[in-house]
Amino acid sequence: MREFDLVVFDWDGTLMDSTAHIVNAIQQACRELALPVPGREAASHVIGLRLTEAMGQFCPGEHAGKLPALVDAFRRHYQADLDRVTLFDAARGTLDAIRAKGVFVAIATGSSRAGLERALAAAGIAELFDATRTVDECHSKPHPDMLLQLTDFFGVAAERAVMVGDTSHDLLMASHAGCHGVGISHGAHDCAELTRCQPRSIVHSLPELSSWLLPRLG
């Protein structure tokens, strides 16, 4: 029996193997502006948040005036060598298998609309998603707005939707929306942090996600 009618994916760190690239761009931007350079854990923790909110965590207090410049510097460093960032190997196969089950497939991301559209075009998989939501249309994670908009758009009850993401922001958004959450540990946040959000499951790869999810799609 089918358990879910809507599967929603985060983008960065979940389908796109971009965590290291984002972390490096944050560190380079902070270094350029003579701000304290965060370690990998601190830098990766903000992945998935609205950009201004994320960068604001690295220029607090007396450094707050550097926020616009830090955002600009991050964007420059992020765009450099972006063509080297690719989908996780099993991403397309996983999406194809889920779509074959006849359920809706969507994206909820902290990226901008323009950034997501560029990434989807570069990856050549835009047609695999029935809808997408970004921070340009919605509140930032972990606010439930993205998921609430998607469930409303498809006419799907929250308890019939599952959110797949690599951060606590994704899983908390799912919880706040009344949806199910599945954490995937190959991205920004480690298993311990994902576990604290009490998801339905934690998987360690997209093939493992398929093994868990496909039987629940009927």
N, C-alpha and C. Protein backbone atom coordinates (compact mmCIF):
# COMPACT_ATOMS: atom_id res chain seq x y z
N MET A 1 0.85 -1.20 0.00
CA MET A 1 0.00 0.00 0.00
C MET A 1 0.88 1.25 0.00
N ARG A 2 0.50 2.23 -0.81
CA ARG A 2 1.29 3.45 -0.89
C ARG A 2 1.16 4.27 0.39
N GLU A 3 2.31 4.72 0.90
CA GLU A 3 2.33 5.53 2.11
C GLU A 3 2.48 7.02 1.80
N PHE A 4 3.18 7.34 0.71
CA PHE A 4 3.44 8.74 0.36
C PHE A 4 2.94 9.05 -1.05
N ASP A 5 2.42 10.26 -1.24
CA ASP A 5 2.00 10.73 -2.55
C ASP A 5 2.91 11.83 -3.09
N LEU A 6 3.76 12.37 -2.22
CA LEU A 6 4.66 13.46 -2.59
C LEU A 6 6.02 13.24 -1.94
N VAL A 7 7.07 13.28 -2.77
CA VAL A 7 8.44 13.18 -2.27
C VAL A 7 9.14 14.49 -2.59
N VAL A 8 9.64 15.16 -1.57
CA VAL A 8 10.30 16.45 -1.74
C VAL A 8 11.77 16.30 -1.39
N PHE A 9 12.62 16.80 -2.26
CA PHE A 9 14.06 16.74 -2.04
C PHE A 9 14.63 18.12 -1.78
N ASP A 10 15.57 18.19 -0.85
CA ASP A 10 16.49 19.31 -0.79
C ASP A 10 17.42 19.19 -2.00
N TRP A 11 18.15 20.27 -2.31
CA TRP A 11 19.04 20.25 -3.48
C TRP A 11 20.50 20.07 -3.07
N ASP A 12 21.11 21.14 -2.51
CA ASP A 12 22.54 21.09 -2.17
C ASP A 12 22.80 20.09 -1.06
N GLY A 13 23.73 19.16 -1.31
CA GLY A 13 24.11 18.18 -0.31
C GLY A 13 23.20 16.97 -0.27
N THR A 14 22.09 17.02 -0.99
CA THR A 14 21.15 15.90 -1.04
C THR A 14 21.17 15.25 -2.41
N LEU A 15 20.87 16.03 -3.45
CA LEU A 15 20.98 15.55 -4.82
C LEU A 15 22.27 16.03 -5.49
N MET A 16 22.70 17.23 -5.13
CA MET A 16 23.92 17.82 -5.70
C MET A 16 25.07 17.70 -4.70
N ASP A 17 26.18 17.18 -5.15
CA ASP A 17 27.34 16.96 -4.27
C ASP A 17 28.13 18.26 -4.14
N SER A 18 27.54 19.21 -3.45
CA SER A 18 28.05 20.58 -3.44
C SER A 18 28.52 21.07 -2.06
N THR A 19 28.45 20.23 -1.05
CA THR A 19 28.77 20.68 0.31
C THR A 19 30.19 21.24 0.41
N ALA A 20 31.17 20.51 -0.09
CA ALA A 20 32.56 20.96 0.02
C ALA A 20 32.76 22.27 -0.74
N HIS A 21 32.11 22.42 -1.88
CA HIS A 21 32.24 23.64 -2.67
C HIS A 21 31.66 24.84 -1.92
N ILE A 22 30.51 24.65 -1.28
CA ILE A 22 29.89 25.74 -0.52
C ILE A 22 30.74 26.11 0.68
N VAL A 23 31.23 25.11 1.39
CA VAL A 23 32.09 25.36 2.55
C VAL A 23 33.32 26.15 2.13
N ASN A 24 33.95 25.76 1.05
CA ASN A 24 35.13 26.47 0.57
C ASN A 24 34.80 27.91 0.20
N ALA A 25 33.63 28.13 -0.43
CA ALA A 25 33.25 29.50 -0.82
C ALA A 25 33.02 30.37 0.42
N ILE A 26 32.42 29.81 1.46
CA ILE A 26 32.23 30.54 2.71
C ILE A 26 33.58 30.90 3.32
N GLN A 27 34.47 29.95 3.39
CA GLN A 27 35.78 30.18 4.00
C GLN A 27 36.58 31.21 3.21
N GLN A 28 36.54 31.13 1.90
CA GLN A 28 37.26 32.08 1.05
C GLN A 28 36.69 33.50 1.21
N ALA A 29 35.37 33.59 1.28
CA ALA A 29 34.74 34.90 1.44
C ALA A 29 35.11 35.53 2.77
N CYS A 30 35.10 34.74 3.84
CA CYS A 30 35.47 35.26 5.16
C CYS A 30 36.93 35.69 5.17
N ARG A 31 37.77 34.90 4.56
CA ARG A 31 39.21 35.23 4.50
C ARG A 31 39.43 36.53 3.73
N GLU A 32 38.70 36.70 2.65
CA GLU A 32 38.85 37.91 1.83
C GLU A 32 38.49 39.17 2.61
N LEU A 33 37.51 39.07 3.51
CA LEU A 33 37.05 40.24 4.27
C LEU A 33 37.67 40.32 5.66
N ALA A 34 38.72 39.52 5.89
CA ALA A 34 39.43 39.53 7.17
C ALA A 34 38.50 39.21 8.33
N LEU A 35 37.55 38.31 8.11
CA LEU A 35 36.67 37.82 9.16
C LEU A 35 37.20 36.48 9.65
N PRO A 36 36.86 36.08 10.88
CA PRO A 36 37.27 34.75 11.34
C PRO A 36 36.78 33.68 10.36
N VAL A 37 37.67 32.78 9.99
CA VAL A 37 37.32 31.75 9.00
C VAL A 37 36.76 30.54 9.73
N PRO A 38 35.51 30.19 9.45
CA PRO A 38 34.90 29.05 10.16
C PRO A 38 35.48 27.73 9.68
N GLY A 39 35.48 26.75 10.57
CA GLY A 39 35.85 25.40 10.19
C GLY A 39 34.76 24.76 9.36
N ARG A 40 35.02 23.54 8.89
CA ARG A 40 34.05 22.87 8.02
C ARG A 40 32.71 22.69 8.71
N GLU A 41 32.73 22.28 9.98
CA GLU A 41 31.46 22.00 10.66
C GLU A 41 30.60 23.26 10.77
N ALA A 42 31.23 24.37 11.18
CA ALA A 42 30.49 25.62 11.32
C ALA A 42 29.99 26.13 9.98
N ALA A 43 30.82 26.02 8.95
CA ALA A 43 30.42 26.49 7.63
C ALA A 43 29.31 25.64 7.04
N SER A 44 29.41 24.33 7.21
CA SER A 44 28.41 23.44 6.63
C SER A 44 27.08 23.52 7.37
N HIS A 45 27.12 23.97 8.62
CA HIS A 45 25.88 24.01 9.40
C HIS A 45 24.87 24.98 8.81
N VAL A 46 25.33 26.05 8.14
CA VAL A 46 24.39 27.06 7.63
C VAL A 46 23.86 26.72 6.24
N ILE A 47 24.36 25.65 5.64
CA ILE A 47 23.89 25.27 4.30
C ILE A 47 22.40 24.95 4.37
N GLY A 48 21.66 25.52 3.44
CA GLY A 48 20.22 25.31 3.42
C GLY A 48 19.42 26.51 3.89
N LEU A 49 20.09 27.43 4.59
CA LEU A 49 19.43 28.65 5.05
C LEU A 49 19.44 29.71 3.95
N ARG A 50 18.58 30.71 4.08
CA ARG A 50 18.64 31.86 3.18
C ARG A 50 20.03 32.46 3.25
N LEU A 51 20.57 32.91 2.11
CA LEU A 51 21.97 33.32 2.04
C LEU A 51 22.31 34.42 3.04
N THR A 52 21.47 35.45 3.13
CA THR A 52 21.79 36.54 4.06
C THR A 52 21.77 36.05 5.50
N GLU A 53 20.86 35.15 5.81
CA GLU A 53 20.81 34.59 7.16
C GLU A 53 22.04 33.74 7.44
N ALA A 54 22.44 32.95 6.46
CA ALA A 54 23.61 32.10 6.63
C ALA A 54 24.88 32.92 6.82
N MET A 55 25.10 33.90 5.93
CA MET A 55 26.31 34.70 6.01
C MET A 55 26.33 35.58 7.25
N GLY A 56 25.15 35.96 7.72
CA GLY A 56 25.07 36.78 8.92
C GLY A 56 25.67 36.13 10.14
N GLN A 57 25.74 34.81 10.13
CA GLN A 57 26.32 34.10 11.27
C GLN A 57 27.84 34.22 11.32
N PHE A 58 28.44 34.71 10.24
CA PHE A 58 29.90 34.83 10.19
C PHE A 58 30.37 36.27 10.30
N CYS A 59 29.44 37.21 10.46
CA CYS A 59 29.85 38.61 10.69
C CYS A 59 28.95 39.23 11.77
N PRO A 60 29.01 38.69 12.98
CA PRO A 60 28.16 39.19 14.06
C PRO A 60 28.72 40.48 14.67
N GLY A 61 27.90 41.10 15.48
CA GLY A 61 28.34 42.23 16.29
C GLY A 61 28.95 43.35 15.48
N GLU A 62 30.18 43.70 15.82
CA GLU A 62 30.84 44.84 15.18
C GLU A 62 31.15 44.60 13.71
N HIS A 63 31.03 43.35 13.26
CA HIS A 63 31.29 43.03 11.86
C HIS A 63 30.02 43.05 11.01
N ALA A 64 28.87 43.36 11.60
CA ALA A 64 27.59 43.25 10.89
C ALA A 64 27.56 44.08 9.62
N GLY A 65 28.27 45.20 9.61
CA GLY A 65 28.27 46.06 8.43
C GLY A 65 28.93 45.41 7.22
N LYS A 66 29.65 44.31 7.43
CA LYS A 66 30.31 43.62 6.32
C LYS A 66 29.40 42.62 5.63
N LEU A 67 28.17 42.47 6.12
CA LEU A 67 27.29 41.43 5.57
C LEU A 67 27.08 41.56 4.06
N PRO A 68 26.72 42.74 3.53
CA PRO A 68 26.52 42.80 2.07
C PRO A 68 27.77 42.40 1.28
N ALA A 69 28.93 42.84 1.76
CA ALA A 69 30.16 42.49 1.06
C ALA A 69 30.46 41.00 1.18
N LEU A 70 30.12 40.41 2.33
CA LEU A 70 30.35 38.97 2.52
C LEU A 70 29.44 38.16 1.60
N VAL A 71 28.20 38.59 1.47
CA VAL A 71 27.28 37.91 0.55
C VAL A 71 27.82 37.97 -0.87
N ASP A 72 28.27 39.15 -1.29
CA ASP A 72 28.82 39.30 -2.64
C ASP A 72 30.07 38.43 -2.84
N ALA A 73 30.93 38.42 -1.83
CA ALA A 73 32.16 37.63 -1.93
C ALA A 73 31.83 36.14 -2.01
N PHE A 74 30.87 35.70 -1.22
CA PHE A 74 30.47 34.29 -1.29
C PHE A 74 29.97 33.94 -2.68
N ARG A 75 29.13 34.79 -3.24
CA ARG A 75 28.58 34.51 -4.57
C ARG A 75 29.69 34.38 -5.61
N ARG A 76 30.69 35.25 -5.52
CA ARG A 76 31.80 35.19 -6.48
C ARG A 76 32.57 33.88 -6.36
N HIS A 77 32.88 33.53 -5.11
CA HIS A 77 33.65 32.30 -4.90
C HIS A 77 32.82 31.07 -5.22
N TYR A 78 31.52 31.13 -4.95
CA TYR A 78 30.65 30.00 -5.25
C TYR A 78 30.55 29.77 -6.76
N GLN A 79 30.47 30.86 -7.53
CA GLN A 79 30.34 30.72 -8.98
C GLN A 79 31.62 30.22 -9.63
N ALA A 80 32.76 30.46 -8.98
CA ALA A 80 34.05 30.00 -9.54
C ALA A 80 34.10 28.47 -9.52
N ASP A 81 34.41 27.89 -10.66
CA ASP A 81 34.54 26.43 -10.79
C ASP A 81 33.26 25.68 -10.47
N LEU A 82 32.12 26.35 -10.57
CA LEU A 82 30.85 25.70 -10.25
C LEU A 82 30.56 24.55 -11.20
N ASP A 83 31.14 24.60 -12.40
CA ASP A 83 30.89 23.54 -13.37
C ASP A 83 31.51 22.21 -12.93
N ARG A 84 32.36 22.25 -11.91
CA ARG A 84 32.95 21.01 -11.40
C ARG A 84 32.04 20.32 -10.39
N VAL A 85 31.01 21.01 -9.95
CA VAL A 85 30.07 20.43 -8.98
C VAL A 85 29.03 19.62 -9.73
N THR A 86 28.84 18.38 -9.31
CA THR A 86 27.96 17.47 -10.05
C THR A 86 26.93 16.83 -9.13
N LEU A 87 25.95 16.21 -9.75
CA LEU A 87 24.98 15.41 -9.00
C LEU A 87 25.67 14.22 -8.36
N PHE A 88 25.13 13.75 -7.24
CA PHE A 88 25.57 12.45 -6.73
C PHE A 88 25.28 11.39 -7.80
N ASP A 89 26.14 10.39 -7.86
CA ASP A 89 26.10 9.42 -8.96
C ASP A 89 24.72 8.80 -9.16
N ALA A 90 24.03 8.50 -8.09
CA ALA A 90 22.76 7.78 -8.19
C ALA A 90 21.55 8.70 -8.27
N ALA A 91 21.75 10.01 -8.38
CA ALA A 91 20.63 10.95 -8.29
C ALA A 91 19.60 10.72 -9.39
N ARG A 92 20.04 10.68 -10.63
CA ARG A 92 19.08 10.54 -11.73
C ARG A 92 18.33 9.21 -11.63
N GLY A 93 19.04 8.13 -11.36
CA GLY A 93 18.38 6.83 -11.24
C GLY A 93 17.37 6.79 -10.12
N THR A 94 17.71 7.42 -9.01
CA THR A 94 16.78 7.48 -7.88
C THR A 94 15.52 8.24 -8.25
N LEU A 95 15.69 9.39 -8.88
CA LEU A 95 14.53 10.20 -9.29
C LEU A 95 13.68 9.46 -10.31
N ASP A 96 14.31 8.80 -11.28
CA ASP A 96 13.56 8.04 -12.28
C ASP A 96 12.73 6.94 -11.63
N ALA A 97 13.32 6.25 -10.67
CA ALA A 97 12.62 5.15 -10.00
C ALA A 97 11.43 5.66 -9.19
N ILE A 98 11.59 6.80 -8.54
CA ILE A 98 10.50 7.37 -7.76
C ILE A 98 9.38 7.84 -8.67
N ARG A 99 9.74 8.52 -9.76
CA ARG A 99 8.72 8.98 -10.70
C ARG A 99 7.95 7.82 -11.32
N ALA A 100 8.61 6.69 -11.52
CA ALA A 100 7.94 5.53 -12.10
C ALA A 100 6.84 4.99 -11.19
N LYS A 101 6.88 5.38 -9.93
CA LYS A 101 5.83 4.96 -8.99
C LYS A 101 4.58 5.82 -9.10
N GLY A 102 4.63 6.89 -9.88
CA GLY A 102 3.46 7.71 -10.10
C GLY A 102 3.16 8.72 -9.00
N VAL A 103 4.17 9.06 -8.20
CA VAL A 103 3.99 10.06 -7.15
C VAL A 103 4.53 11.40 -7.63
N PHE A 104 4.17 12.47 -6.94
CA PHE A 104 4.71 13.79 -7.24
C PHE A 104 6.13 13.89 -6.68
N VAL A 105 6.99 14.59 -7.41
CA VAL A 105 8.37 14.80 -6.97
C VAL A 105 8.66 16.30 -7.04
N ALA A 106 9.24 16.85 -5.98
CA ALA A 106 9.47 18.30 -5.91
C ALA A 106 10.80 18.59 -5.23
N ILE A 107 11.17 19.87 -5.28
CA ILE A 107 12.37 20.37 -4.61
C ILE A 107 11.97 21.49 -3.66
N ALA A 108 12.58 21.51 -2.48
CA ALA A 108 12.48 22.63 -1.54
C ALA A 108 13.90 22.99 -1.15
N THR A 109 14.36 24.18 -1.53
CA THR A 109 15.77 24.51 -1.36
C THR A 109 15.99 25.92 -0.82
N GLY A 110 17.09 26.08 -0.13
CA GLY A 110 17.48 27.39 0.34
C GLY A 110 18.16 28.22 -0.73
N SER A 111 18.32 27.67 -1.92
CA SER A 111 18.89 28.41 -3.04
C SER A 111 17.92 29.48 -3.53
N SER A 112 18.45 30.44 -4.28
CA SER A 112 17.59 31.40 -4.95
C SER A 112 16.92 30.74 -6.14
N ARG A 113 15.86 31.37 -6.67
CA ARG A 113 15.21 30.85 -7.87
C ARG A 113 16.18 30.80 -9.05
N ALA A 114 16.92 31.88 -9.25
CA ALA A 114 17.86 31.91 -10.37
C ALA A 114 18.93 30.84 -10.21
N GLY A 115 19.43 30.68 -8.99
CA GLY A 115 20.47 29.68 -8.75
C GLY A 115 19.97 28.27 -8.99
N LEU A 116 18.76 27.96 -8.53
CA LEU A 116 18.22 26.62 -8.75
C LEU A 116 17.98 26.37 -10.23
N GLU A 117 17.42 27.36 -10.93
CA GLU A 117 17.16 27.17 -12.36
C GLU A 117 18.45 26.92 -13.13
N ARG A 118 19.51 27.65 -12.77
CA ARG A 118 20.80 27.42 -13.43
C ARG A 118 21.31 26.00 -13.15
N ALA A 119 21.19 25.58 -11.90
CA ALA A 119 21.69 24.26 -11.52
C ALA A 119 20.90 23.14 -12.20
N LEU A 120 19.58 23.29 -12.25
CA LEU A 120 18.76 22.27 -12.91
C LEU A 120 19.07 22.18 -14.39
N ALA A 121 19.26 23.34 -15.02
CA ALA A 121 19.58 23.35 -16.44
C ALA A 121 20.94 22.69 -16.69
N ALA A 122 21.92 23.00 -15.84
CA ALA A 122 23.25 22.42 -16.01
C ALA A 122 23.23 20.91 -15.81
N ALA A 123 22.41 20.46 -14.83
CA ALA A 123 22.33 19.02 -14.54
C ALA A 123 21.44 18.28 -15.54
N GLY A 124 20.58 19.01 -16.25
CA GLY A 124 19.71 18.40 -17.24
C GLY A 124 18.60 17.55 -16.66
N ILE A 125 18.11 17.93 -15.48
CA ILE A 125 17.06 17.10 -14.85
C ILE A 125 15.83 17.90 -14.45
N ALA A 126 15.66 19.09 -14.99
CA ALA A 126 14.52 19.92 -14.60
C ALA A 126 13.20 19.20 -14.82
N GLU A 127 13.13 18.37 -15.88
CA GLU A 127 11.88 17.71 -16.22
C GLU A 127 11.49 16.61 -15.23
N LEU A 128 12.38 16.28 -14.31
CA LEU A 128 12.08 15.23 -13.34
C LEU A 128 11.32 15.74 -12.12
N PHE A 129 11.07 17.05 -12.06
CA PHE A 129 10.38 17.63 -10.91
C PHE A 129 9.07 18.27 -11.33
N ASP A 130 8.04 18.00 -10.55
CA ASP A 130 6.71 18.53 -10.83
C ASP A 130 6.54 19.95 -10.31
N ALA A 131 7.34 20.34 -9.34
CA ALA A 131 7.30 21.70 -8.80
C ALA A 131 8.56 21.93 -7.98
N THR A 132 8.93 23.19 -7.81
CA THR A 132 10.07 23.55 -6.97
C THR A 132 9.73 24.79 -6.16
N ARG A 133 10.34 24.90 -4.99
CA ARG A 133 10.18 26.08 -4.15
C ARG A 133 11.55 26.51 -3.64
N THR A 134 11.79 27.83 -3.63
CA THR A 134 13.06 28.40 -3.18
C THR A 134 12.78 29.49 -2.15
N VAL A 135 13.85 30.06 -1.60
CA VAL A 135 13.67 31.13 -0.62
C VAL A 135 13.20 32.42 -1.26
N ASP A 136 13.18 32.49 -2.59
CA ASP A 136 12.64 33.68 -3.24
C ASP A 136 11.12 33.73 -3.17
N GLU A 137 10.49 32.56 -2.98
CA GLU A 137 9.03 32.50 -2.88
C GLU A 137 8.53 32.18 -1.48
N CYS A 138 9.41 31.74 -0.61
CA CYS A 138 8.99 31.17 0.67
C CYS A 138 9.89 31.66 1.81
N HIS A 139 9.42 31.44 3.03
CA HIS A 139 10.26 31.65 4.20
C HIS A 139 11.42 30.65 4.17
N SER A 140 12.52 31.01 4.80
CA SER A 140 13.68 30.13 4.87
C SER A 140 13.41 28.95 5.79
N LYS A 141 14.05 27.83 5.49
CA LYS A 141 14.03 26.69 6.40
C LYS A 141 14.60 27.12 7.75
N PRO A 142 14.14 26.56 8.86
CA PRO A 142 13.21 25.44 9.00
C PRO A 142 11.73 25.83 9.08
N HIS A 143 11.38 27.05 8.70
CA HIS A 143 9.97 27.42 8.61
C HIS A 143 9.28 26.44 7.65
N PRO A 144 8.05 26.04 7.93
CA PRO A 144 7.38 25.02 7.10
C PRO A 144 6.83 25.52 5.78
N ASP A 145 7.00 26.80 5.46
CA ASP A 145 6.33 27.41 4.32
C ASP A 145 6.53 26.65 3.01
N MET A 146 7.75 26.25 2.70
CA MET A 146 8.00 25.58 1.43
C MET A 146 7.15 24.31 1.31
N LEU A 147 7.16 23.50 2.35
CA LEU A 147 6.40 22.25 2.30
C LEU A 147 4.90 22.50 2.31
N LEU A 148 4.46 23.48 3.06
CA LEU A 148 3.04 23.79 3.07
C LEU A 148 2.57 24.27 1.71
N GLN A 149 3.40 25.07 1.04
CA GLN A 149 3.05 25.50 -0.31
C GLN A 149 2.97 24.32 -1.27
N LEU A 150 3.91 23.40 -1.16
CA LEU A 150 3.93 22.25 -2.06
C LEU A 150 2.77 21.30 -1.81
N THR A 151 2.48 21.00 -0.55
CA THR A 151 1.36 20.10 -0.28
C THR A 151 0.04 20.74 -0.73
N ASP A 152 -0.08 22.05 -0.55
CA ASP A 152 -1.28 22.74 -1.01
C ASP A 152 -1.36 22.73 -2.54
N PHE A 153 -0.23 22.94 -3.20
CA PHE A 153 -0.19 22.97 -4.66
C PHE A 153 -0.66 21.63 -5.25
N PHE A 154 -0.22 20.54 -4.65
CA PHE A 154 -0.56 19.22 -5.16
C PHE A 154 -1.85 18.65 -4.57
N GLY A 155 -2.40 19.32 -3.55
CA GLY A 155 -3.58 18.80 -2.89
C GLY A 155 -3.31 17.53 -2.11
N VAL A 156 -2.11 17.46 -1.52
CA VAL A 156 -1.67 16.28 -0.77
C VAL A 156 -1.67 16.61 0.72
N ALA A 157 -2.22 15.73 1.53
CA ALA A 157 -2.18 15.92 2.98
C ALA A 157 -0.74 15.85 3.47
N ALA A 158 -0.42 16.65 4.49
CA ALA A 158 0.96 16.71 4.99
C ALA A 158 1.50 15.34 5.38
N GLU A 159 0.65 14.52 5.98
CA GLU A 159 1.12 13.21 6.43
C GLU A 159 1.36 12.24 5.27
N ARG A 160 1.01 12.66 4.05
CA ARG A 160 1.27 11.83 2.87
C ARG A 160 2.48 12.33 2.09
N ALA A 161 3.24 13.24 2.70
CA ALA A 161 4.43 13.81 2.05
C ALA A 161 5.67 13.47 2.87
N VAL A 162 6.80 13.28 2.18
CA VAL A 162 8.07 13.01 2.85
C VAL A 162 9.12 13.95 2.30
N MET A 163 9.91 14.52 3.19
CA MET A 163 11.00 15.44 2.85
C MET A 163 12.32 14.71 3.04
N VAL A 164 13.15 14.72 2.00
CA VAL A 164 14.47 14.09 2.06
C VAL A 164 15.52 15.19 2.06
N GLY A 165 16.36 15.23 3.09
CA GLY A 165 17.37 16.28 3.16
C GLY A 165 18.58 15.88 3.97
N ASP A 166 19.65 16.65 3.79
CA ASP A 166 20.92 16.33 4.45
C ASP A 166 21.20 17.20 5.67
N THR A 167 20.25 18.08 6.04
CA THR A 167 20.48 18.97 7.19
C THR A 167 19.33 18.92 8.18
N SER A 168 19.65 19.37 9.38
CA SER A 168 18.61 19.49 10.40
C SER A 168 17.55 20.51 9.98
N HIS A 169 17.95 21.50 9.18
CA HIS A 169 16.98 22.50 8.71
C HIS A 169 15.87 21.82 7.88
N ASP A 170 16.26 20.85 7.06
CA ASP A 170 15.28 20.12 6.25
C ASP A 170 14.34 19.31 7.13
N LEU A 171 14.92 18.61 8.08
CA LEU A 171 14.12 17.71 8.92
C LEU A 171 13.22 18.48 9.87
N LEU A 172 13.70 19.60 10.39
CA LEU A 172 12.85 20.42 11.25
C LEU A 172 11.72 21.06 10.44
N MET A 173 12.00 21.46 9.21
CA MET A 173 10.94 21.97 8.34
C MET A 173 9.86 20.91 8.15
N ALA A 174 10.26 19.68 7.91
CA ALA A 174 9.29 18.60 7.74
C ALA A 174 8.44 18.42 8.99
N SER A 175 9.10 18.42 10.13
CA SER A 175 8.37 18.26 11.39
C SER A 175 7.39 19.40 11.62
N HIS A 176 7.83 20.63 11.36
CA HIS A 176 6.96 21.79 11.55
C HIS A 176 5.76 21.77 10.60
N ALA A 177 5.94 21.16 9.43
CA ALA A 177 4.86 21.11 8.44
C ALA A 177 3.93 19.91 8.65
N GLY A 178 4.30 19.02 9.55
CA GLY A 178 3.50 17.82 9.76
C GLY A 178 3.79 16.74 8.73
N CYS A 179 4.92 16.87 8.03
CA CYS A 179 5.33 15.88 7.03
C CYS A 179 6.35 14.91 7.65
N HIS A 180 6.63 13.85 6.95
CA HIS A 180 7.66 12.93 7.37
C HIS A 180 9.02 13.44 6.89
N GLY A 181 10.06 13.05 7.58
CA GLY A 181 11.41 13.45 7.20
C GLY A 181 12.33 12.25 7.11
N VAL A 182 13.19 12.27 6.12
CA VAL A 182 14.25 11.26 5.99
C VAL A 182 15.57 12.00 5.84
N GLY A 183 16.49 11.73 6.72
CA GLY A 183 17.81 12.35 6.65
C GLY A 183 18.76 11.52 5.81
N ILE A 184 19.61 12.20 5.05
CA ILE A 184 20.64 11.51 4.28
C ILE A 184 22.00 12.07 4.71
N SER A 185 22.90 11.19 5.09
CA SER A 185 24.10 11.62 5.82
C SER A 185 25.29 11.95 4.93
N HIS A 186 25.12 11.96 3.61
CA HIS A 186 26.29 12.21 2.75
C HIS A 186 26.51 13.70 2.46
N GLY A 187 25.78 14.58 3.16
CA GLY A 187 25.88 16.00 2.89
C GLY A 187 26.46 16.82 4.02
N ALA A 188 25.74 17.86 4.45
CA ALA A 188 26.30 18.87 5.34
C ALA A 188 26.30 18.51 6.82
N HIS A 189 25.23 17.87 7.30
CA HIS A 189 25.11 17.60 8.74
C HIS A 189 25.34 16.13 9.03
N ASP A 190 25.97 15.85 10.18
CA ASP A 190 26.30 14.47 10.50
C ASP A 190 25.10 13.72 11.07
N CYS A 191 25.28 12.42 11.24
CA CYS A 191 24.18 11.56 11.70
C CYS A 191 23.64 11.98 13.06
N ALA A 192 24.53 12.40 13.96
CA ALA A 192 24.09 12.77 15.30
C ALA A 192 23.12 13.94 15.24
N GLU A 193 23.45 14.94 14.41
CA GLU A 193 22.57 16.10 14.30
C GLU A 193 21.26 15.74 13.62
N LEU A 194 21.32 14.91 12.60
CA LEU A 194 20.10 14.46 11.93
C LEU A 194 19.23 13.65 12.89
N THR A 195 19.85 12.81 13.68
CA THR A 195 19.11 11.95 14.62
C THR A 195 18.35 12.78 15.63
N ARG A 196 18.92 13.89 16.07
CA ARG A 196 18.25 14.72 17.07
C ARG A 196 16.91 15.27 16.56
N CYS A 197 16.72 15.30 15.25
CA CYS A 197 15.47 15.79 14.67
C CYS A 197 14.40 14.71 14.59
N GLN A 198 14.74 13.49 14.98
CA GLN A 198 13.80 12.38 15.04
C GLN A 198 13.08 12.11 13.70
N PRO A 199 13.86 11.92 12.63
CA PRO A 199 13.25 11.61 11.34
C PRO A 199 12.71 10.19 11.30
N ARG A 200 11.93 9.89 10.28
CA ARG A 200 11.45 8.52 10.10
C ARG A 200 12.61 7.56 9.90
N SER A 201 13.63 8.03 9.19
CA SER A 201 14.79 7.19 8.93
C SER A 201 15.98 8.06 8.60
N ILE A 202 17.17 7.51 8.73
CA ILE A 202 18.40 8.12 8.24
C ILE A 202 19.06 7.12 7.31
N VAL A 203 19.37 7.57 6.11
CA VAL A 203 20.07 6.72 5.14
C VAL A 203 21.41 7.38 4.83
N HIS A 204 22.28 6.61 4.20
CA HIS A 204 23.65 7.10 4.00
C HIS A 204 24.01 7.29 2.53
N SER A 205 23.07 7.02 1.64
CA SER A 205 23.31 7.19 0.21
C SER A 205 21.97 7.20 -0.50
N LEU A 206 21.96 7.64 -1.75
CA LEU A 206 20.73 7.61 -2.53
C LEU A 206 20.27 6.19 -2.85
N PRO A 207 21.16 5.24 -3.15
CA PRO A 207 20.67 3.85 -3.30
C PRO A 207 20.01 3.33 -2.03
N GLU A 208 20.54 3.69 -0.86
CA GLU A 208 19.91 3.25 0.38
C GLU A 208 18.55 3.94 0.57
N LEU A 209 18.46 5.20 0.14
CA LEU A 209 17.17 5.87 0.16
C LEU A 209 16.16 5.12 -0.70
N SER A 210 16.56 4.73 -1.89
CA SER A 210 15.66 3.98 -2.77
C SER A 210 15.16 2.70 -2.10
N SER A 211 16.05 2.00 -1.44
CA SER A 211 15.67 0.75 -0.78
C SER A 211 14.63 0.99 0.30
N TRP A 212 14.76 2.12 1.00
CA TRP A 212 13.81 2.44 2.06
C TRP A 212 12.50 2.99 1.49
N LEU A 213 12.60 3.86 0.49
CA LEU A 213 11.45 4.62 0.03
C LEU A 213 10.57 3.89 -0.97
N LEU A 214 11.16 3.23 -1.95
CA LEU A 214 10.36 2.67 -3.04
C LEU A 214 9.27 1.70 -2.56
N PRO A 215 9.55 0.81 -1.59
CA PRO A 215 8.46 -0.06 -1.12
C PRO A 215 7.30 0.71 -0.48
N ARG A 216 7.55 1.92 -0.02
CA ARG A 216 6.51 2.72 0.61
C ARG A 216 5.72 3.56 -0.41
N LEU A 217 6.10 3.45 -1.68
CA LEU A 217 5.39 4.18 -2.73
C LEU A 217 4.44 3.27 -3.52
N GLY A 218 4.27 2.05 -3.03
CA GLY A 218 3.29 1.14 -3.65
C GLY A 218 3.85 0.37 -4.82
